[in-house]
Amino acid sequence: MEKQVAIIGAGVSGLLACKYTVSKGFNPIVFEARNSIGGAWINTVETTKLQTPKPAYQFSDFPWPDSVTELFPNQYQVLDYLQSYAHHFDLLKHIKFSTKVLGIKYQGASDEEMQSWSLWGGNGEPFSSRGKWIVEAQDTQNQLSTEVCLSTMLVIVTSIFFVGYDLSAWFRQVLISDCNSVMLFHKTL
């Protein structure tokens, strides 16, 4: 059975998480509260530009287009680049737009069983292989519509900023093969 991976957020890191979970044979579902991809780039002032030169802020498997000649692309160019990436790797079909996550809960071993483990899962693995993540989400356009998603892995993405670092290579390093855990990416300066 195909393992489902819940990813919260369709910004830069959420798109990376989606692409690499697909490449590992998993079935990602990305919950995006807004109606488009881009994460933090959606809410920036129109005059905002990259603070990092574009060669250091690109996916290793998807270079900036030749039409972007500026060393520090602006908000629109970054959003276009992210849209192109999502289209090129057919990621949009995995994204549930206008879907806000209301809550997440891990359903697995009992508290007593977890306390008896010498390591997280008793075998060095985080959580039990029989556990599931329950993600409750709501359609922001239809407030009455709420759904529950069961997932074997949960990826929560906030903001990640690297200077001079290959984003795709970094994500490959942290993607774990046993999808019975949670990965929390946080803002790094």
C-alpha atoms as a PDB file:
ATOM      1  CA  MET A   1       0.000   0.000   0.000  1.00  0.00           C
ATOM      2  CA  GLU A   2       1.248   3.460  -0.892  1.00  0.00           C
ATOM      3  CA  LYS A   3       2.222   5.546   2.144  1.00  0.00           C
ATOM      4  CA  GLN A   4       0.507   8.915   2.378  1.00  0.00           C
ATOM      5  CA  VAL A   5       2.527  11.917   3.524  1.00  0.00           C
ATOM      6  CA  ALA A   6       0.779  15.036   4.834  1.00  0.00           C
ATOM      7  CA  ILE A   7       2.685  18.255   4.136  1.00  0.00           C
ATOM      8  CA  ILE A   8       1.564  21.540   5.622  1.00  0.00           C
ATOM      9  CA  GLY A   9       2.430  24.539   3.452  1.00  0.00           C
ATOM     10  CA  ALA A  10       3.166  25.010  -0.262  1.00  0.00           C
ATOM     11  CA  GLY A  11       6.061  27.430  -0.024  1.00  0.00           C
ATOM     12  CA  VAL A  12       9.628  26.637  -1.099  1.00  0.00           C
ATOM     13  CA  SER A  13      10.119  23.871   1.473  1.00  0.00           C
ATOM     14  CA  GLY A  14       6.641  22.427   1.023  1.00  0.00           C
ATOM     15  CA  LEU A  15       7.256  22.107  -2.726  1.00  0.00           C
ATOM     16  CA  LEU A  16      10.598  20.409  -2.034  1.00  0.00           C
ATOM     17  CA  ALA A  17       8.955  18.041   0.431  1.00  0.00           C
ATOM     18  CA  CYS A  18       6.278  17.200  -2.119  1.00  0.00           C
ATOM     19  CA  LYS A  19       8.731  16.592  -4.964  1.00  0.00           C
ATOM     20  CA  TYR A  20      11.059  14.364  -2.966  1.00  0.00           C
ATOM     21  CA  THR A  21       8.331  12.327  -1.312  1.00  0.00           C
ATOM     22  CA  VAL A  22       6.917  11.642  -4.797  1.00  0.00           C
ATOM     23  CA  SER A  23      10.407  10.616  -5.969  1.00  0.00           C
ATOM     24  CA  LYS A  24      10.594   8.130  -3.067  1.00  0.00           C
ATOM     25  CA  GLY A  25       7.302   6.536  -4.127  1.00  0.00           C
ATOM     26  CA  PHE A  26       5.070   8.120  -1.489  1.00  0.00           C
ATOM     27  CA  ASN A  27       1.719   9.825  -2.003  1.00  0.00           C
ATOM     28  CA  PRO A  28       1.954  13.413  -0.687  1.00  0.00           C
ATOM     29  CA  ILE A  29      -0.998  15.634   0.108  1.00  0.00           C
ATOM     30  CA  VAL A  30      -0.034  19.278   0.615  1.00  0.00           C
ATOM     31  CA  PHE A  31      -2.382  21.457   2.643  1.00  0.00           C
ATOM     32  CA  GLU A  32      -2.122  25.111   1.617  1.00  0.00           C
ATOM     33  CA  ALA A  33      -4.337  27.685   3.369  1.00  0.00           C
ATOM     34  CA  ARG A  34      -4.024  30.159   0.493  1.00  0.00           C
ATOM     35  CA  ASN A  35      -5.203  29.725  -3.072  1.00  0.00           C
ATOM     36  CA  SER A  36      -1.688  29.674  -4.553  1.00  0.00           C
ATOM     37  CA  ILE A  37       1.825  28.454  -3.880  1.00  0.00           C
ATOM     38  CA  GLY A  38       4.671  30.652  -2.692  1.00  0.00           C
ATOM     39  CA  GLY A  39       4.612  30.717   1.080  1.00  0.00           C
ATOM     40  CA  ALA A  40       6.243  33.840   2.492  1.00  0.00           C
ATOM     41  CA  TRP A  41       6.718  35.222  -1.024  1.00  0.00           C
ATOM     42  CA  ILE A  42       2.966  35.783  -1.366  1.00  0.00           C
ATOM     43  CA  ASN A  43       2.789  38.298   1.492  1.00  0.00           C
ATOM     44  CA  THR A  44       5.894  40.354   0.799  1.00  0.00           C
ATOM     45  CA  VAL A  45       5.917  43.970  -0.341  1.00  0.00           C
ATOM     46  CA  GLU A  46       5.986  44.191  -4.138  1.00  0.00           C
ATOM     47  CA  THR A  47       9.457  45.756  -4.106  1.00  0.00           C
ATOM     48  CA  THR A  48      10.944  42.835  -2.141  1.00  0.00           C
ATOM     49  CA  LYS A  49      13.916  41.122  -3.768  1.00  0.00           C
ATOM     50  CA  LEU A  50      16.035  38.137  -2.861  1.00  0.00           C
ATOM     51  CA  GLN A  51      18.722  38.988  -0.339  1.00  0.00           C
ATOM     52  CA  THR A  52      20.735  36.037  -1.580  1.00  0.00           C
ATOM     53  CA  PRO A  53      22.140  35.908  -5.129  1.00  0.00           C
ATOM     54  CA  LYS A  54      19.920  33.732  -7.316  1.00  0.00           C
ATOM     55  CA  PRO A  55      22.559  31.024  -7.941  1.00  0.00           C
ATOM     56  CA  ALA A  56      22.483  30.300  -4.194  1.00  0.00           C
ATOM     57  CA  TYR A  57      18.677  30.379  -4.097  1.00  0.00           C
ATOM     58  CA  GLN A  58      17.687  27.786  -6.632  1.00  0.00           C
ATOM     59  CA  PHE A  59      16.738  24.144  -6.808  1.00  0.00           C
ATOM     60  CA  SER A  60      19.698  21.974  -7.856  1.00  0.00           C
ATOM     61  CA  ASP A  61      17.548  20.209 -10.443  1.00  0.00           C
ATOM     62  CA  PHE A  62      15.789  23.327 -11.751  1.00  0.00           C
ATOM     63  CA  PRO A  63      17.874  26.407 -12.643  1.00  0.00           C
ATOM     64  CA  TRP A  64      16.506  29.917 -12.940  1.00  0.00           C
ATOM     65  CA  PRO A  65      15.276  30.720 -16.462  1.00  0.00           C
ATOM     66  CA  ASP A  66      17.610  32.709 -18.723  1.00  0.00           C
ATOM     67  CA  SER A  67      15.002  35.475 -18.819  1.00  0.00           C
ATOM     68  CA  VAL A  68      15.808  36.334 -15.182  1.00  0.00           C
ATOM     69  CA  THR A  69      19.009  38.310 -15.607  1.00  0.00           C
ATOM     70  CA  GLU A  70      18.981  40.114 -12.261  1.00  0.00           C
ATOM     71  CA  LEU A  71      21.303  38.774  -9.579  1.00  0.00           C
ATOM     72  CA  PHE A  72      18.598  39.475  -6.979  1.00  0.00           C
ATOM     73  CA  PRO A  73      15.195  38.612  -8.509  1.00  0.00           C
ATOM     74  CA  ASN A  74      12.077  40.411  -7.309  1.00  0.00           C
ATOM     75  CA  GLN A  75       8.927  38.969  -5.732  1.00  0.00           C
ATOM     76  CA  TYR A  76       7.183  38.330  -9.049  1.00  0.00           C
ATOM     77  CA  GLN A  77      10.205  36.567 -10.513  1.00  0.00           C
ATOM     78  CA  VAL A  78      10.525  34.344  -7.430  1.00  0.00           C
ATOM     79  CA  LEU A  79       6.816  33.462  -7.551  1.00  0.00           C
ATOM     80  CA  ASP A  80       7.074  32.702 -11.290  1.00  0.00           C
ATOM     81  CA  TYR A  81      10.120  30.495 -10.597  1.00  0.00           C
ATOM     82  CA  LEU A  82       8.208  28.562  -7.913  1.00  0.00           C
ATOM     83  CA  GLN A  83       5.183  28.179 -10.218  1.00  0.00           C
ATOM     84  CA  SER A  84       7.452  26.896 -13.007  1.00  0.00           C
ATOM     85  CA  TYR A  85       9.043  24.403 -10.612  1.00  0.00           C
ATOM     86  CA  ALA A  86       5.640  23.132  -9.466  1.00  0.00           C
ATOM     87  CA  HIS A  87       4.412  22.778 -13.067  1.00  0.00           C
ATOM     88  CA  HIS A  88       7.633  21.158 -14.305  1.00  0.00           C
ATOM     89  CA  PHE A  89       7.479  18.428 -11.647  1.00  0.00           C
ATOM     90  CA  ASP A  90       3.646  18.136 -11.770  1.00  0.00           C
ATOM     91  CA  LEU A  91       3.267  19.021  -8.084  1.00  0.00           C
ATOM     92  CA  LEU A  92       0.023  21.011  -8.262  1.00  0.00           C
ATOM     93  CA  LYS A  93      -2.081  17.847  -8.386  1.00  0.00           C
ATOM     94  CA  HIS A  94      -0.870  17.021  -4.856  1.00  0.00           C
ATOM     95  CA  ILE A  95      -1.817  20.405  -3.363  1.00  0.00           C
ATOM     96  CA  LYS A  96      -5.162  21.099  -1.668  1.00  0.00           C
ATOM     97  CA  PHE A  97      -5.465  24.862  -2.037  1.00  0.00           C
ATOM     98  CA  SER A  98      -7.615  26.969   0.288  1.00  0.00           C
ATOM     99  CA  THR A  99      -7.372  24.223   2.911  1.00  0.00           C
ATOM    100  CA  LYS A 100      -6.417  25.290   6.418  1.00  0.00           C
ATOM    101  CA  VAL A 101      -5.113  22.726   8.902  1.00  0.00           C
ATOM    102  CA  LEU A 102      -7.146  22.933  12.098  1.00  0.00           C
ATOM    103  CA  GLY A 103      -5.300  20.293  14.074  1.00  0.00           C
ATOM    104  CA  ILE A 104      -2.926  17.360  14.001  1.00  0.00           C
ATOM    105  CA  LYS A 105      -2.774  14.356  16.268  1.00  0.00           C
ATOM    106  CA  TYR A 106      -0.631  11.234  16.372  1.00  0.00           C
ATOM    107  CA  GLN A 107      -2.592   8.018  16.830  1.00  0.00           C
ATOM    108  CA  GLY A 108      -0.446   5.063  17.719  1.00  0.00           C
ATOM    109  CA  ALA A 109       0.898   3.372  20.773  1.00  0.00           C
ATOM    110  CA  SER A 110      -0.523   4.113  24.215  1.00  0.00           C
ATOM    111  CA  ASP A 111       1.277   6.509  26.563  1.00  0.00           C
ATOM    112  CA  GLU A 112       2.270   3.555  28.755  1.00  0.00           C
ATOM    113  CA  GLU A 113       3.764   1.686  25.814  1.00  0.00           C
ATOM    114  CA  MET A 114       5.728   4.751  24.663  1.00  0.00           C
ATOM    115  CA  GLN A 115       7.114   5.324  28.169  1.00  0.00           C
ATOM    116  CA  SER A 116       8.476   1.773  28.205  1.00  0.00           C
ATOM    117  CA  TRP A 117      10.497   2.239  25.016  1.00  0.00           C
ATOM    118  CA  SER A 118      14.194   2.809  25.579  1.00  0.00           C
ATOM    119  CA  LEU A 119      14.239   4.790  22.335  1.00  0.00           C
ATOM    120  CA  TRP A 120      11.278   6.424  20.619  1.00  0.00           C
ATOM    121  CA  GLY A 121       9.914   3.262  19.062  1.00  0.00           C
ATOM    122  CA  GLY A 122      11.863   0.739  21.081  1.00  0.00           C
ATOM    123  CA  ASN A 123      13.870   0.034  17.932  1.00  0.00           C
ATOM    124  CA  GLY A 124      15.491   3.423  17.417  1.00  0.00           C
ATOM    125  CA  GLU A 125      12.762   4.520  15.040  1.00  0.00           C
ATOM    126  CA  PRO A 126      10.593   7.540  15.836  1.00  0.00           C
ATOM    127  CA  PHE A 127       7.099   6.341  16.687  1.00  0.00           C
ATOM    128  CA  SER A 128       5.529   2.990  15.999  1.00  0.00           C
ATOM    129  CA  SER A 129       5.214   1.615  12.488  1.00  0.00           C
ATOM    130  CA  ARG A 130       1.506   1.099  13.095  1.00  0.00           C
ATOM    131  CA  GLY A 131       0.836   4.738  14.008  1.00  0.00           C
ATOM    132  CA  LYS A 132      -0.906   7.340  11.896  1.00  0.00           C
ATOM    133  CA  TRP A 133      -1.077  11.096  11.819  1.00  0.00           C
ATOM    134  CA  ILE A 134      -4.579  12.500  11.835  1.00  0.00           C
ATOM    135  CA  VAL A 135      -4.785  15.861  10.070  1.00  0.00           C
ATOM    136  CA  GLU A 136      -8.015  17.800  10.385  1.00  0.00           C
ATOM    137  CA  ALA A 137      -8.396  20.416   7.665  1.00  0.00           C
ATOM    138  CA  GLN A 138     -11.047  22.874   6.580  1.00  0.00           C
ATOM    139  CA  ASP A 139     -11.869  24.294   3.167  1.00  0.00           C
ATOM    140  CA  THR A 140     -11.461  28.065   3.670  1.00  0.00           C
ATOM    141  CA  GLN A 141     -13.921  28.834   0.872  1.00  0.00           C
ATOM    142  CA  ASN A 142     -16.627  26.589   2.352  1.00  0.00           C
ATOM    143  CA  GLN A 143     -16.364  26.907   6.125  1.00  0.00           C
ATOM    144  CA  LEU A 144     -18.766  24.000   6.588  1.00  0.00           C
ATOM    145  CA  SER A 145     -16.483  21.492   4.867  1.00  0.00           C
ATOM    146  CA  THR A 146     -14.011  19.723   7.160  1.00  0.00           C
ATOM    147  CA  GLU A 147     -12.009  16.612   6.291  1.00  0.00           C
ATOM    148  CA  VAL A 148      -9.758  14.217   8.144  1.00  0.00           C
ATOM    149  CA  CYS A 149      -6.649  12.792   6.517  1.00  0.00           C
ATOM    150  CA  LEU A 150      -4.762   9.753   7.837  1.00  0.00           C
ATOM    151  CA  SER A 151      -1.081   9.873   7.041  1.00  0.00           C
ATOM    152  CA  THR A 152       1.974   7.764   7.873  1.00  0.00           C
ATOM    153  CA  MET A 153       4.223  10.828   7.893  1.00  0.00           C
ATOM    154  CA  LEU A 154       3.720  14.503   8.628  1.00  0.00           C
ATOM    155  CA  VAL A 155       5.878  17.356   7.325  1.00  0.00           C
ATOM    156  CA  ILE A 156       5.338  20.775   8.884  1.00  0.00           C
ATOM    157  CA  VAL A 157       7.103  23.606   7.132  1.00  0.00           C
ATOM    158  CA  THR A 158       7.463  27.159   8.370  1.00  0.00           C
ATOM    159  CA  SER A 159      10.313  29.200   6.893  1.00  0.00           C
ATOM    160  CA  ILE A 160      13.815  28.149   5.918  1.00  0.00           C
ATOM    161  CA  PHE A 161      16.479  30.574   4.824  1.00  0.00           C
ATOM    162  CA  PHE A 162      19.902  29.420   3.754  1.00  0.00           C
ATOM    163  CA  VAL A 163      22.671  31.536   2.344  1.00  0.00           C
ATOM    164  CA  GLY A 164      24.734  29.803  -0.314  1.00  0.00           C
ATOM    165  CA  TYR A 165      23.179  26.393   0.215  1.00  0.00           C
ATOM    166  CA  ASP A 166      21.634  24.025  -2.308  1.00  0.00           C
ATOM    167  CA  LEU A 167      18.038  23.645  -1.132  1.00  0.00           C
ATOM    168  CA  SER A 168      17.383  20.366  -2.933  1.00  0.00           C
ATOM    169  CA  ALA A 169      20.517  18.703  -1.566  1.00  0.00           C
ATOM    170  CA  TRP A 170      19.649  19.852   1.951  1.00  0.00           C
ATOM    171  CA  PHE A 171      16.165  18.363   1.732  1.00  0.00           C
ATOM    172  CA  ARG A 172      17.479  15.044   0.413  1.00  0.00           C
ATOM    173  CA  GLN A 173      19.718  14.846   3.492  1.00  0.00           C
ATOM    174  CA  VAL A 174      16.856  15.273   5.942  1.00  0.00           C
ATOM    175  CA  LEU A 175      14.260  13.140   4.143  1.00  0.00           C
ATOM    176  CA  ILE A 176      14.063   9.945   6.087  1.00  0.00           C
ATOM    177  CA  SER A 177      13.209   6.679   4.418  1.00  0.00           C
ATOM    178  CA  ASP A 178      10.997   5.340   7.193  1.00  0.00           C
ATOM    179  CA  CYS A 179       7.917   7.503   6.916  1.00  0.00           C
ATOM    180  CA  ASN A 180       6.560   6.884  10.378  1.00  0.00           C
ATOM    181  CA  SER A 181       7.681  10.168  11.850  1.00  0.00           C
ATOM    182  CA  VAL A 182       7.210  13.884  11.810  1.00  0.00           C
ATOM    183  CA  MET A 183       9.668  16.332  10.291  1.00  0.00           C
ATOM    184  CA  LEU A 184       9.428  19.889  11.572  1.00  0.00           C
ATOM    185  CA  PHE A 185      11.326  22.443   9.568  1.00  0.00           C
ATOM    186  CA  HIS A 186      11.830  25.746  11.277  1.00  0.00           C
ATOM    187  CA  LYS A 187      13.199  29.144  10.428  1.00  0.00           C
ATOM    188  CA  THR A 188      16.976  29.046  10.145  1.00  0.00           C
ATOM    189  CA  LEU A 189      18.956  32.233   9.633  1.00  0.00           C
END
